[in-house]
Amino acid sequence: QQRIRANQQNLTHLSSRLRHPGQQLQQKMQQLDQLTFRLN
């Protein structure tokens, strides 16, 4: 648990500095949902 906790803190620190490429994908997924809603 101590090792996991330390790794999690390190991962959180690194994640705050790294912009995940999935953010652009989330934008596209949201746009697809909007178009699907309009089609329906």
Full PDB file with SEQRES, HELIX, SHEET, SSBOND, CRYST1, ORIGX, SCALE, CONECT and MASTER records, all heavy atoms in Angstrom:
SEQRES   1 A   40  GLN GLN ARG ILE ARG ALA ASN GLN GLN ASN LEU THR HIS          
SEQRES   2 A   40  LEU SER SER ARG LEU ARG HIS PRO GLY GLN GLN LEU GLN          
SEQRES   3 A   40  GLN LYS MET GLN GLN LEU ASP GLN LEU THR PHE ARG LEU          
SEQRES   4 A   40  ASN                                                          
HELIX    1 AA1 GLN A    2  ARG A   17  1                                  16    
HELIX    2 AA2 GLY A   22  LEU A   39  1                                  18    
CRYST1    1.000    1.000    1.000  90.00  90.00  90.00 P 1           1          
ORIGX1      1.000000  0.000000  0.000000        0.00000                         
ORIGX2      0.000000  1.000000  0.000000        0.00000                         
ORIGX3      0.000000  0.000000  1.000000        0.00000                         
SCALE1      1.000000  0.000000  0.000000        0.00000                         
SCALE2      0.000000  1.000000  0.000000        0.00000                         
SCALE3      0.000000  0.000000  1.000000        0.00000                         
ATOM      1  N   GLN A   1       0.817  -1.201   0.000  1.00  0.00           N  
ATOM      2  CA  GLN A   1       0.000   0.000   0.000  1.00  0.00           C  
ATOM      3  C   GLN A   1       0.862   1.268   0.000  1.00  0.00           C  
ATOM      4  O   GLN A   1       0.555   2.239  -0.681  1.00  0.00           O  
ATOM      5  CB  GLN A   1      -0.940   0.004   1.203  1.00  0.00           C  
ATOM      6  CG  GLN A   1      -2.064  -1.015   1.101  1.00  0.00           C  
ATOM      7  CD  GLN A   1      -2.930  -1.051   2.344  1.00  0.00           C  
ATOM      8  OE1 GLN A   1      -2.496  -0.624   3.410  1.00  0.00           O  
ATOM      9  NE2 GLN A   1      -4.139  -1.594   2.209  1.00  0.00           N  
ATOM     10  N   GLN A   2       1.944   1.226   0.771  1.00  0.00           N  
ATOM     11  CA  GLN A   2       2.837   2.378   0.784  1.00  0.00           C  
ATOM     12  C   GLN A   2       3.448   2.608  -0.590  1.00  0.00           C  
ATOM     13  O   GLN A   2       3.558   3.750  -1.061  1.00  0.00           O  
ATOM     14  CB  GLN A   2       3.937   2.165   1.830  1.00  0.00           C  
ATOM     15  CG  GLN A   2       3.430   2.197   3.279  1.00  0.00           C  
ATOM     16  CD  GLN A   2       4.506   1.838   4.283  1.00  0.00           C  
ATOM     17  OE1 GLN A   2       5.661   1.668   3.915  1.00  0.00           O  
ATOM     18  NE2 GLN A   2       4.117   1.701   5.537  1.00  0.00           N  
ATOM     19  N   ARG A   3       3.881   1.510  -1.230  1.00  0.00           N  
ATOM     20  CA  ARG A   3       4.479   1.643  -2.551  1.00  0.00           C  
ATOM     21  C   ARG A   3       3.444   2.147  -3.569  1.00  0.00           C  
ATOM     22  O   ARG A   3       3.747   3.017  -4.396  1.00  0.00           O  
ATOM     23  CB  ARG A   3       5.041   0.288  -2.990  1.00  0.00           C  
ATOM     24  CG  ARG A   3       5.709   0.308  -4.366  1.00  0.00           C  
ATOM     25  CD  ARG A   3       6.903   1.252  -4.380  1.00  0.00           C  
ATOM     26  NE  ARG A   3       7.895   0.870  -3.406  1.00  0.00           N  
ATOM     27  CZ  ARG A   3       8.865  -0.029  -3.639  1.00  0.00           C  
ATOM     28  NH1 ARG A   3       8.940  -0.611  -4.827  1.00  0.00           N  
ATOM     29  NH2 ARG A   3       9.738  -0.323  -2.711  1.00  0.00           N  
ATOM     30  N   ILE A   4       2.227   1.610  -3.509  1.00  0.00           N  
ATOM     31  CA  ILE A   4       1.168   2.053  -4.423  1.00  0.00           C  
ATOM     32  C   ILE A   4       0.848   3.524  -4.195  1.00  0.00           C  
ATOM     33  O   ILE A   4       0.667   4.296  -5.143  1.00  0.00           O  
ATOM     34  CB  ILE A   4      -0.095   1.186  -4.246  1.00  0.00           C  
ATOM     35  CG1 ILE A   4       0.174  -0.246  -4.738  1.00  0.00           C  
ATOM     36  CG2 ILE A   4      -1.281   1.792  -4.990  1.00  0.00           C  
ATOM     37  CD1 ILE A   4      -0.968  -1.194  -4.477  1.00  0.00           C  
ATOM     38  N   ARG A   5       0.786   3.914  -2.920  1.00  0.00           N  
ATOM     39  CA  ARG A   5       0.470   5.305  -2.599  1.00  0.00           C  
ATOM     40  C   ARG A   5       1.534   6.255  -3.148  1.00  0.00           C  
ATOM     41  O   ARG A   5       1.225   7.307  -3.715  1.00  0.00           O  
ATOM     42  CB  ARG A   5       0.327   5.462  -1.091  1.00  0.00           C  
ATOM     43  CG  ARG A   5      -0.282   6.783  -0.656  1.00  0.00           C  
ATOM     44  CD  ARG A   5      -0.438   6.836   0.852  1.00  0.00           C  
ATOM     45  NE  ARG A   5      -1.342   5.796   1.307  1.00  0.00           N  
ATOM     46  CZ  ARG A   5      -0.955   4.722   2.006  1.00  0.00           C  
ATOM     47  NH1 ARG A   5       0.318   4.562   2.319  1.00  0.00           N  
ATOM     48  NH2 ARG A   5      -1.843   3.834   2.394  1.00  0.00           N  
ATOM     49  N   ALA A   6       2.799   5.868  -2.979  1.00  0.00           N  
ATOM     50  CA  ALA A   6       3.876   6.715  -3.495  1.00  0.00           C  
ATOM     51  C   ALA A   6       3.821   6.804  -5.012  1.00  0.00           C  
ATOM     52  O   ALA A   6       3.995   7.885  -5.602  1.00  0.00           O  
ATOM     53  CB  ALA A   6       5.221   6.155  -3.042  1.00  0.00           C  
ATOM     54  N   ASN A   7       3.561   5.667  -5.664  1.00  0.00           N  
ATOM     55  CA  ASN A   7       3.461   5.673  -7.127  1.00  0.00           C  
ATOM     56  C   ASN A   7       2.270   6.487  -7.610  1.00  0.00           C  
ATOM     57  O   ASN A   7       2.329   7.165  -8.645  1.00  0.00           O  
ATOM     58  CB  ASN A   7       3.373   4.238  -7.654  1.00  0.00           C  
ATOM     59  CG  ASN A   7       4.683   3.473  -7.483  1.00  0.00           C  
ATOM     60  OD1 ASN A   7       5.757   4.084  -7.372  1.00  0.00           O  
ATOM     61  ND2 ASN A   7       4.614   2.157  -7.438  1.00  0.00           N  
ATOM     62  N   GLN A   8       1.157   6.402  -6.855  1.00  0.00           N  
ATOM     63  CA  GLN A   8      -0.015   7.184  -7.232  1.00  0.00           C  
ATOM     64  C   GLN A   8       0.254   8.681  -7.135  1.00  0.00           C  
ATOM     65  O   GLN A   8      -0.166   9.460  -8.004  1.00  0.00           O  
ATOM     66  CB  GLN A   8      -1.200   6.812  -6.343  1.00  0.00           C  
ATOM     67  CG  GLN A   8      -1.815   5.460  -6.671  1.00  0.00           C  
ATOM     68  CD  GLN A   8      -2.940   5.098  -5.730  1.00  0.00           C  
ATOM     69  OE1 GLN A   8      -3.012   5.618  -4.610  1.00  0.00           O  
ATOM     70  NE2 GLN A   8      -3.799   4.187  -6.159  1.00  0.00           N  
ATOM     71  N   GLN A   9       0.947   9.088  -6.079  1.00  0.00           N  
ATOM     72  CA  GLN A   9       1.280  10.504  -5.945  1.00  0.00           C  
ATOM     73  C   GLN A   9       2.189  10.962  -7.075  1.00  0.00           C  
ATOM     74  O   GLN A   9       2.011  12.050  -7.640  1.00  0.00           O  
ATOM     75  CB  GLN A   9       1.947  10.746  -4.591  1.00  0.00           C  
ATOM     76  CG  GLN A   9       0.996  10.563  -3.399  1.00  0.00           C  
ATOM     77  CD  GLN A   9       1.705  10.704  -2.072  1.00  0.00           C  
ATOM     78  OE1 GLN A   9       2.930  10.746  -2.014  1.00  0.00           O  
ATOM     79  NE2 GLN A   9       0.924  10.758  -0.997  1.00  0.00           N  
ATOM     80  N   ASN A  10       3.164  10.112  -7.420  1.00  0.00           N  
ATOM     81  CA  ASN A  10       4.063  10.448  -8.514  1.00  0.00           C  
ATOM     82  C   ASN A  10       3.310  10.516  -9.839  1.00  0.00           C  
ATOM     83  O   ASN A  10       3.522  11.412 -10.667  1.00  0.00           O  
ATOM     84  CB  ASN A  10       5.185   9.406  -8.589  1.00  0.00           C  
ATOM     85  CG  ASN A  10       6.277   9.813  -9.572  1.00  0.00           C  
ATOM     86  OD1 ASN A  10       6.572  10.993  -9.752  1.00  0.00           O  
ATOM     87  ND2 ASN A  10       6.880   8.834 -10.220  1.00  0.00           N  
ATOM     88  N   LEU A  11       2.371   9.568 -10.021  1.00  0.00           N  
ATOM     89  CA  LEU A  11       1.573   9.548 -11.250  1.00  0.00           C  
ATOM     90  C   LEU A  11       0.683  10.777 -11.343  1.00  0.00           C  
ATOM     91  O   LEU A  11       0.530  11.365 -12.420  1.00  0.00           O  
ATOM     92  CB  LEU A  11       0.723   8.274 -11.292  1.00  0.00           C  
ATOM     93  CG  LEU A  11      -0.192   8.101 -12.501  1.00  0.00           C  
ATOM     94  CD1 LEU A  11       0.642   8.047 -13.780  1.00  0.00           C  
ATOM     95  CD2 LEU A  11      -1.035   6.841 -12.359  1.00  0.00           C  
ATOM     96  N   THR A  12       0.102  11.183 -10.216  1.00  0.00           N  
ATOM     97  CA  THR A  12      -0.748  12.376 -10.214  1.00  0.00           C  
ATOM     98  C   THR A  12       0.054  13.615 -10.591  1.00  0.00           C  
ATOM     99  O   THR A  12      -0.408  14.479 -11.354  1.00  0.00           O  
ATOM    100  CB  THR A  12      -1.381  12.571  -8.826  1.00  0.00           C  
ATOM    101  OG1 THR A  12      -2.164  11.410  -8.512  1.00  0.00           O  
ATOM    102  CG2 THR A  12      -2.279  13.796  -8.800  1.00  0.00           C  
ATOM    103  N   HIS A  13       1.275  13.683 -10.054  1.00  0.00           N  
ATOM    104  CA  HIS A  13       2.139  14.825 -10.369  1.00  0.00           C  
ATOM    105  C   HIS A  13       2.477  14.860 -11.852  1.00  0.00           C  
ATOM    106  O   HIS A  13       2.415  15.907 -12.510  1.00  0.00           O  
ATOM    107  CB  HIS A  13       3.420  14.759  -9.526  1.00  0.00           C  
ATOM    108  CG  HIS A  13       4.413  15.844  -9.845  1.00  0.00           C  
ATOM    109  ND1 HIS A  13       4.178  17.164  -9.551  1.00  0.00           N  
ATOM    110  CD2 HIS A  13       5.636  15.777 -10.447  1.00  0.00           C  
ATOM    111  CE1 HIS A  13       5.214  17.891  -9.961  1.00  0.00           C  
ATOM    112  NE2 HIS A  13       6.112  17.076 -10.507  1.00  0.00           N  
ATOM    113  N   LEU A  14       2.815  13.687 -12.405  1.00  0.00           N  
ATOM    114  CA  LEU A  14       3.156  13.629 -13.828  1.00  0.00           C  
ATOM    115  C   LEU A  14       1.935  13.899 -14.699  1.00  0.00           C  
ATOM    116  O   LEU A  14       2.038  14.550 -15.748  1.00  0.00           O  
ATOM    117  CB  LEU A  14       3.752  12.256 -14.157  1.00  0.00           C  
ATOM    118  CG  LEU A  14       5.115  11.944 -13.513  1.00  0.00           C  
ATOM    119  CD1 LEU A  14       5.532  10.519 -13.827  1.00  0.00           C  
ATOM    120  CD2 LEU A  14       6.177  12.925 -13.986  1.00  0.00           C  
ATOM    121  N   SER A  15       0.764  13.394 -14.258  1.00  0.00           N  
ATOM    122  CA  SER A  15      -0.456  13.584 -15.048  1.00  0.00           C  
ATOM    123  C   SER A  15      -0.838  15.050 -15.141  1.00  0.00           C  
ATOM    124  O   SER A  15      -1.378  15.504 -16.156  1.00  0.00           O  
ATOM    125  CB  SER A  15      -1.612  12.785 -14.435  1.00  0.00           C  
ATOM    126  OG  SER A  15      -1.323  11.405 -14.453  1.00  0.00           O  
ATOM    127  N   SER A  16      -0.587  15.801 -14.066  1.00  0.00           N  
ATOM    128  CA  SER A  16      -0.920  17.229 -14.084  1.00  0.00           C  
ATOM    129  C   SER A  16      -0.072  17.998 -15.091  1.00  0.00           C  
ATOM    130  O   SER A  16      -0.446  19.076 -15.549  1.00  0.00           O  
ATOM    131  CB  SER A  16      -0.751  17.821 -12.683  1.00  0.00           C  
ATOM    132  OG  SER A  16       0.603  17.757 -12.287  1.00  0.00           O  
ATOM    133  N   ARG A  17       1.094  17.440 -15.428  1.00  0.00           N  
ATOM    134  CA  ARG A  17       1.977  18.112 -16.384  1.00  0.00           C  
ATOM    135  C   ARG A  17       1.762  17.625 -17.816  1.00  0.00           C  
ATOM    136  O   ARG A  17       2.235  18.257 -18.764  1.00  0.00           O  
ATOM    137  CB  ARG A  17       3.444  17.869 -15.984  1.00  0.00           C  
ATOM    138  CG  ARG A  17       3.772  18.388 -14.592  1.00  0.00           C  
ATOM    139  CD  ARG A  17       5.163  17.969 -14.175  1.00  0.00           C  
ATOM    140  NE  ARG A  17       6.179  18.417 -15.123  1.00  0.00           N  
ATOM    141  CZ  ARG A  17       7.465  18.035 -15.093  1.00  0.00           C  
ATOM    142  NH1 ARG A  17       7.887  17.216 -14.148  1.00  0.00           N  
ATOM    143  NH2 ARG A  17       8.327  18.470 -16.002  1.00  0.00           N  
ATOM    144  N   LEU A  18       1.095  16.519 -17.955  1.00  0.00           N  
ATOM    145  CA  LEU A  18       0.939  15.921 -19.282  1.00  0.00           C  
ATOM    146  C   LEU A  18      -0.493  16.108 -19.770  1.00  0.00           C  
ATOM    147  O   LEU A  18      -1.438  15.758 -19.067  1.00  0.00           O  
ATOM    148  CB  LEU A  18       1.272  14.424 -19.226  1.00  0.00           C  
ATOM    149  CG  LEU A  18       1.086  13.633 -20.527  1.00  0.00           C  
ATOM    150  CD1 LEU A  18       2.080  14.132 -21.582  1.00  0.00           C  
ATOM    151  CD2 LEU A  18       1.275  12.142 -20.279  1.00  0.00           C  
ATOM    152  N   ARG A  19      -0.649  16.653 -20.936  1.00  0.00           N  
ATOM    153  CA  ARG A  19      -1.970  16.778 -21.549  1.00  0.00           C  
ATOM    154  C   ARG A  19      -2.267  15.508 -22.312  1.00  0.00           C  
ATOM    155  O   ARG A  19      -1.563  15.153 -23.264  1.00  0.00           O  
ATOM    156  CB  ARG A  19      -2.010  17.985 -22.491  1.00  0.00           C  
ATOM    157  CG  ARG A  19      -1.924  19.315 -21.770  1.00  0.00           C  
ATOM    158  CD  ARG A  19      -2.202  20.453 -22.706  1.00  0.00           C  
ATOM    159  NE  ARG A  19      -3.563  20.390 -23.176  1.00  0.00           N  
ATOM    160  CZ  ARG A  19      -3.920  20.743 -24.413  1.00  0.00           C  
ATOM    161  NH1 ARG A  19      -3.025  21.156 -25.268  1.00  0.00           N  
ATOM    162  NH2 ARG A  19      -5.179  20.659 -24.783  1.00  0.00           N  
ATOM    163  N   HIS A  20      -3.304  14.829 -21.898  1.00  0.00           N  
ATOM    164  CA  HIS A  20      -3.632  13.521 -22.476  1.00  0.00           C  
ATOM    165  C   HIS A  20      -4.200  13.689 -23.890  1.00  0.00           C  
ATOM    166  O   HIS A  20      -5.067  14.540 -24.119  1.00  0.00           O  
ATOM    167  CB  HIS A  20      -4.656  12.807 -21.590  1.00  0.00           C  
ATOM    168  CG  HIS A  20      -4.731  11.338 -21.837  1.00  0.00           C  
ATOM    169  ND1 HIS A  20      -5.374  10.810 -22.916  1.00  0.00           N  
ATOM    170  CD2 HIS A  20      -4.227  10.290 -21.128  1.00  0.00           C  
ATOM    171  CE1 HIS A  20      -5.278   9.497 -22.893  1.00  0.00           C  
ATOM    172  NE2 HIS A  20      -4.588   9.153 -21.813  1.00  0.00           N  
ATOM    173  N   PRO A  21      -3.701  12.896 -24.862  1.00  0.00           N  
ATOM    174  CA  PRO A  21      -4.262  13.009 -26.222  1.00  0.00           C  
ATOM    175  C   PRO A  21      -5.730  12.622 -26.291  1.00  0.00           C  
ATOM    176  O   PRO A  21      -6.411  12.938 -27.263  1.00  0.00           O  
ATOM    177  CB  PRO A  21      -3.390  12.039 -27.036  1.00  0.00           C  
ATOM    178  CG  PRO A  21      -2.802  11.099 -26.034  1.00  0.00           C  
ATOM    179  CD  PRO A  21      -2.615  11.897 -24.783  1.00  0.00           C  
ATOM    180  N   GLY A  22      -6.207  11.942 -25.260  1.00  0.00           N  
ATOM    181  CA  GLY A  22      -7.620  11.558 -25.257  1.00  0.00           C  
ATOM    182  C   GLY A  22      -8.568  12.730 -25.137  1.00  0.00           C  
ATOM    183  O   GLY A  22      -9.770  12.592 -25.392  1.00  0.00           O  
ATOM    184  N   GLN A  23      -8.052  13.918 -24.750  1.00  0.00           N  
ATOM    185  CA  GLN A  23      -8.923  15.087 -24.629  1.00  0.00           C  
ATOM    186  C   GLN A  23      -9.508  15.477 -25.991  1.00  0.00           C  
ATOM    187  O   GLN A  23     -10.675  15.846 -26.087  1.00  0.00           O  
ATOM    188  CB  GLN A  23      -8.143  16.247 -24.029  1.00  0.00           C  
ATOM    189  CG  GLN A  23      -7.730  16.018 -22.579  1.00  0.00           C  
ATOM    190  CD  GLN A  23      -6.949  17.179 -22.012  1.00  0.00           C  
ATOM    191  OE1 GLN A  23      -6.780  18.207 -22.676  1.00  0.00           O  
ATOM    192  NE2 GLN A  23      -6.460  17.038 -20.787  1.00  0.00           N  
ATOM    193  N   GLN A  24      -8.650  15.412 -27.024  1.00  0.00           N  
ATOM    194  CA  GLN A  24      -9.159  15.712 -28.360  1.00  0.00           C  
ATOM    195  C   GLN A  24     -10.187  14.678 -28.787  1.00  0.00           C  
ATOM    196  O   GLN A  24     -11.209  14.996 -29.411  1.00  0.00           O  
ATOM    197  CB  GLN A  24      -7.994  15.733 -29.360  1.00  0.00           C  
ATOM    198  CG  GLN A  24      -8.387  16.192 -30.761  1.00  0.00           C  
ATOM    199  CD  GLN A  24      -8.816  17.651 -30.801  1.00  0.00           C  
ATOM    200  OE1 GLN A  24      -8.445  18.443 -29.941  1.00  0.00           O  
ATOM    201  NE2 GLN A  24      -9.593  18.013 -31.808  1.00  0.00           N  
ATOM    202  N   LEU A  25      -9.928  13.418 -28.416  1.00  0.00           N  
ATOM    203  CA  LEU A  25     -10.890  12.356 -28.731  1.00  0.00           C  
ATOM    204  C   LEU A  25     -12.209  12.591 -28.004  1.00  0.00           C  
ATOM    205  O   LEU A  25     -13.285  12.344 -28.552  1.00  0.00           O  
ATOM    206  CB  LEU A  25     -10.294  11.001 -28.332  1.00  0.00           C  
ATOM    207  CG  LEU A  25     -11.180   9.767 -28.556  1.00  0.00           C  
ATOM    208  CD1 LEU A  25     -11.531   9.623 -30.032  1.00  0.00           C  
ATOM    209  CD2 LEU A  25     -10.489   8.508 -28.054  1.00  0.00           C  
ATOM    210  N   GLN A  26     -12.138  13.078 -26.772  1.00  0.00           N  
ATOM    211  CA  GLN A  26     -13.366  13.370 -26.022  1.00  0.00           C  
ATOM    212  C   GLN A  26     -14.173  14.455 -26.707  1.00  0.00           C  
ATOM    213  O   GLN A  26     -15.415  14.397 -26.748  1.00  0.00           O  
ATOM    214  CB  GLN A  26     -13.008  13.785 -24.595  1.00  0.00           C  
ATOM    215  CG  GLN A  26     -12.487  12.642 -23.742  1.00  0.00           C  
ATOM    216  CD  GLN A  26     -12.091  13.103 -22.350  1.00  0.00           C  
ATOM    217  OE1 GLN A  26     -12.017  14.305 -22.081  1.00  0.00           O  
ATOM    218  NE2 GLN A  26     -11.831  12.163 -21.466  1.00  0.00           N  
ATOM    219  N   GLN A  27     -13.474  15.461 -27.275  1.00  0.00           N  
ATOM    220  CA  GLN A  27     -14.180  16.499 -28.021  1.00  0.00           C  
ATOM    221  C   GLN A  27     -14.931  15.900 -29.204  1.00  0.00           C  
ATOM    222  O   GLN A  27     -16.093  16.223 -29.459  1.00  0.00           O  
ATOM    223  CB  GLN A  27     -13.166  17.543 -28.522  1.00  0.00           C  
ATOM    224  CG  GLN A  27     -12.634  18.462 -27.435  1.00  0.00           C  
ATOM    225  CD  GLN A  27     -13.540  19.662 -27.212  1.00  0.00           C  
ATOM    226  OE1 GLN A  27     -14.419  19.943 -28.013  1.00  0.00           O  
ATOM    227  NE2 GLN A  27     -13.324  20.360 -26.108  1.00  0.00           N  
ATOM    228  N   LYS A  28     -14.250  14.997 -29.927  1.00  0.00           N  
ATOM    229  CA  LYS A  28     -14.883  14.371 -31.080  1.00  0.00           C  
ATOM    230  C   LYS A  28     -16.051  13.478 -30.652  1.00  0.00           C  
ATOM    231  O   LYS A  28     -17.092  13.423 -31.332  1.00  0.00           O  
ATOM    232  CB  LYS A  28     -13.848  13.556 -31.868  1.00  0.00           C  
ATOM    233  CG  LYS A  28     -12.708  14.392 -32.449  1.00  0.00           C  
ATOM    234  CD  LYS A  28     -13.243  15.456 -33.420  1.00  0.00           C  
ATOM    235  CE  LYS A  28     -12.109  16.261 -34.021  1.00  0.00           C  
ATOM    236  NZ  LYS A  28     -12.613  17.343 -34.917  1.00  0.00           N  
ATOM    237  N   MET A  29     -15.871  12.764 -29.551  1.00  0.00           N  
ATOM    238  CA  MET A  29     -16.958  11.901 -29.069  1.00  0.00           C  
ATOM    239  C   MET A  29     -18.166  12.739 -28.675  1.00  0.00           C  
ATOM    240  O   MET A  29     -19.306  12.372 -28.950  1.00  0.00           O  
ATOM    241  CB  MET A  29     -16.476  11.058 -27.880  1.00  0.00           C  
ATOM    242  CG  MET A  29     -15.502   9.963 -28.264  1.00  0.00           C  
ATOM    243  SD  MET A  29     -15.186   8.776 -26.923  1.00  0.00           S  
ATOM    244  CE  MET A  29     -14.436   9.828 -25.701  1.00  0.00           C  
ATOM    245  N   GLN A  30     -17.916  13.878 -28.034  1.00  0.00           N  
ATOM    246  CA  GLN A  30     -19.025  14.747 -27.651  1.00  0.00           C  
ATOM    247  C   GLN A  30     -19.718  15.309 -28.885  1.00  0.00           C  
ATOM    248  O   GLN A  30     -20.952  15.402 -28.939  1.00  0.00           O  
ATOM    249  CB  GLN A  30     -18.511  15.877 -26.766  1.00  0.00           C  
ATOM    250  CG  GLN A  30     -19.632  16.733 -26.169  1.00  0.00           C  
ATOM    251  CD  GLN A  30     -19.112  17.714 -25.144  1.00  0.00           C  
ATOM    252  OE1 GLN A  30     -17.927  17.750 -24.852  1.00  0.00           O  
ATOM    253  NE2 GLN A  30     -19.994  18.516 -24.598  1.00  0.00           N  
ATOM    254  N   GLN A  31     -18.912  15.667 -29.903  1.00  0.00           N  
ATOM    255  CA  GLN A  31     -19.500  16.178 -31.148  1.00  0.00           C  
ATOM    256  C   GLN A  31     -20.338  15.099 -31.826  1.00  0.00           C  
ATOM    257  O   GLN A  31     -21.436  15.374 -32.339  1.00  0.00           O  
ATOM    258  CB  GLN A  31     -18.384  16.649 -32.087  1.00  0.00           C  
ATOM    259  CG  GLN A  31     -18.907  17.349 -33.347  1.00  0.00           C  
ATOM    260  CD  GLN A  31     -17.774  17.912 -34.190  1.00  0.00           C  
ATOM    261  OE1 GLN A  31     -16.601  17.715 -33.880  1.00  0.00           O  
ATOM    262  NE2 GLN A  31     -18.120  18.610 -35.243  1.00  0.00           N  
ATOM    263  N   LEU A  32     -19.833  13.852 -31.799  1.00  0.00           N  
ATOM    264  CA  LEU A  32     -20.592  12.737 -32.370  1.00  0.00           C  
ATOM    265  C   LEU A  32     -21.906  12.538 -31.624  1.00  0.00           C  
ATOM    266  O   LEU A  32     -22.956  12.284 -32.245  1.00  0.00           O  
ATOM    267  CB  LEU A  32     -19.753  11.460 -32.313  1.00  0.00           C  
ATOM    268  CG  LEU A  32     -20.433  10.172 -32.813  1.00  0.00           C  
ATOM    269  CD1 LEU A  32     -20.840  10.313 -34.285  1.00  0.00           C  
ATOM    270  CD2 LEU A  32     -19.526   8.968 -32.618  1.00  0.00           C  
ATOM    271  N   ASP A  33     -21.874  12.671 -30.309  1.00  0.00           N  
ATOM    272  CA  ASP A  33     -23.107  12.532 -29.525  1.00  0.00           C  
ATOM    273  C   ASP A  33     -24.116  13.612 -29.890  1.00  0.00           C  
ATOM    274  O   ASP A  33     -25.328  13.355 -29.987  1.00  0.00           O  
ATOM    275  CB  ASP A  33     -22.787  12.602 -28.029  1.00  0.00           C  
ATOM    276  CG  ASP A  33     -22.078  11.353 -27.533  1.00  0.00           C  
ATOM    277  OD1 ASP A  33     -22.116  10.337 -28.249  1.00  0.00           O  
ATOM    278  OD2 ASP A  33     -21.491  11.404 -26.434  1.00  0.00           O  
ATOM    279  N   GLN A  34     -23.626  14.851 -30.092  1.00  0.00           N  
ATOM    280  CA  GLN A  34     -24.521  15.941 -30.474  1.00  0.00           C  
ATOM    281  C   GLN A  34     -25.159  15.675 -31.833  1.00  0.00           C  
ATOM    282  O   GLN A  34     -26.370  15.872 -32.028  1.00  0.00           O  
ATOM    283  CB  GLN A  34     -23.741  17.268 -30.506  1.00  0.00           C  
ATOM    284  CG  GLN A  34     -23.244  17.733 -29.147  1.00  0.00           C  
ATOM    285  CD  GLN A  34     -24.378  18.194 -28.251  1.00  0.00           C  
ATOM    286  OE1 GLN A  34     -25.466  18.518 -28.722  1.00  0.00           O  
ATOM    287  NE2 GLN A  34     -24.143  18.204 -26.955  1.00  0.00           N  
ATOM    288  N   LEU A  35     -24.343  15.189 -32.791  1.00  0.00           N  
ATOM    289  CA  LEU A  35     -24.885  14.890 -34.113  1.00  0.00           C  
ATOM    290  C   LEU A  35     -25.867  13.727 -34.053  1.00  0.00           C  
ATOM    291  O   LEU A  35     -26.902  13.733 -34.735  1.00  0.00           O  
ATOM    292  CB  LEU A  35     -23.738  14.561 -35.078  1.00  0.00           C  
ATOM    293  CG  LEU A  35     -22.791  15.735 -35.415  1.00  0.00           C  
ATOM    294  CD1 LEU A  35     -21.622  15.250 -36.251  1.00  0.00           C  
ATOM    295  CD2 LEU A  35     -23.536  16.842 -36.145  1.00  0.00           C  
ATOM    296  N   THR A  36     -25.546  12.731 -33.246  1.00  0.00           N  
ATOM    297  CA  THR A  36     -26.460  11.594 -33.076  1.00  0.00           C  
ATOM    298  C   THR A  36     -27.783  12.048 -32.491  1.00  0.00           C  
ATOM    299  O   THR A  36     -28.862  11.607 -32.909  1.00  0.00           O  
ATOM    300  CB  THR A  36     -25.821  10.532 -32.175  1.00  0.00           C  
ATOM    301  OG1 THR A  36     -24.560  10.141 -32.737  1.00  0.00           O  
ATOM    302  CG2 THR A  36     -26.720   9.313 -32.047  1.00  0.00           C  
ATOM    303  N   PHE A  37     -27.703  12.951 -31.518  1.00  0.00           N  
ATOM    304  CA  PHE A  37     -28.929  13.472 -30.898  1.00  0.00           C  
ATOM    305  C   PHE A  37     -29.772  14.235 -31.920  1.00  0.00           C  
ATOM    306  O   PHE A  37     -30.998  14.080 -31.979  1.00  0.00           O  
ATOM    307  CB  PHE A  37     -28.553  14.378 -29.725  1.00  0.00           C  
ATOM    308  CG  PHE A  37     -29.735  15.021 -29.059  1.00  0.00           C  
ATOM    309  CD1 PHE A  37     -30.568  14.294 -28.225  1.00  0.00           C  
ATOM    310  CD2 PHE A  37     -30.027  16.365 -29.271  1.00  0.00           C  
ATOM    311  CE1 PHE A  37     -31.669  14.885 -27.628  1.00  0.00           C  
ATOM    312  CE2 PHE A  37     -31.123  16.962 -28.686  1.00  0.00           C  
ATOM    313  CZ  PHE A  37     -31.938  16.208 -27.850  1.00  0.00           C  
ATOM    314  N   ARG A  38     -29.096  15.059 -32.759  1.00  0.00           N  
ATOM    315  CA  ARG A  38     -29.831  15.803 -33.774  1.00  0.00           C  
ATOM    316  C   ARG A  38     -30.452  14.869 -34.803  1.00  0.00           C  
ATOM    317  O   ARG A  38     -31.596  15.070 -35.246  1.00  0.00           O  
ATOM    318  CB  ARG A  38     -28.881  16.780 -34.465  1.00  0.00           C  
ATOM    319  CG  ARG A  38     -28.451  17.955 -33.586  1.00  0.00           C  
ATOM    320  CD  ARG A  38     -27.353  18.771 -34.250  1.00  0.00           C  
ATOM    321  NE  ARG A  38     -27.773  19.278 -35.548  1.00  0.00           N  
ATOM    322  CZ  ARG A  38     -26.959  19.904 -36.400  1.00  0.00           C  
ATOM    323  NH1 ARG A  38     -25.689  20.080 -36.071  1.00  0.00           N  
ATOM    324  NH2 ARG A  38     -27.418  20.337 -37.563  1.00  0.00           N  
ATOM    325  N   LEU A  39     -29.724  13.800 -35.180  1.00  0.00           N  
ATOM    326  CA  LEU A  39     -30.258  12.833 -36.133  1.00  0.00           C  
ATOM    327  C   LEU A  39     -31.475  12.122 -35.552  1.00  0.00           C  
ATOM    328  O   LEU A  39     -32.497  11.948 -36.229  1.00  0.00           O  
ATOM    329  CB  LEU A  39     -29.170  11.819 -36.505  1.00  0.00           C  
ATOM    330  CG  LEU A  39     -29.603  10.675 -37.448  1.00  0.00           C  
ATOM    331  CD1 LEU A  39     -30.092  11.246 -38.781  1.00  0.00           C  
ATOM    332  CD2 LEU A  39     -28.459   9.699 -37.659  1.00  0.00           C  
ATOM    333  N   ASN A  40     -31.360  11.706 -34.291  1.00  0.00           N  
ATOM    334  CA  ASN A  40     -32.494  11.020 -33.653  1.00  0.00           C  
ATOM    335  C   ASN A  40     -33.706  11.940 -33.550  1.00  0.00           C  
ATOM    336  O   ASN A  40     -34.854  11.510 -33.737  1.00  0.00           O  
ATOM    337  CB  ASN A  40     -32.085  10.530 -32.255  1.00  0.00           C  
ATOM    338  CG  ASN A  40     -31.077   9.402 -32.312  1.00  0.00           C  
ATOM    339  OD1 ASN A  40     -30.988   8.692 -33.323  1.00  0.00           O  
ATOM    340  ND2 ASN A  40     -30.307   9.226 -31.257  1.00  0.00           N  
TER     341      ASN A  40                                                      
MASTER        0    0    0    2    0    0    0    6  340    1    0    4          
END                                                                             
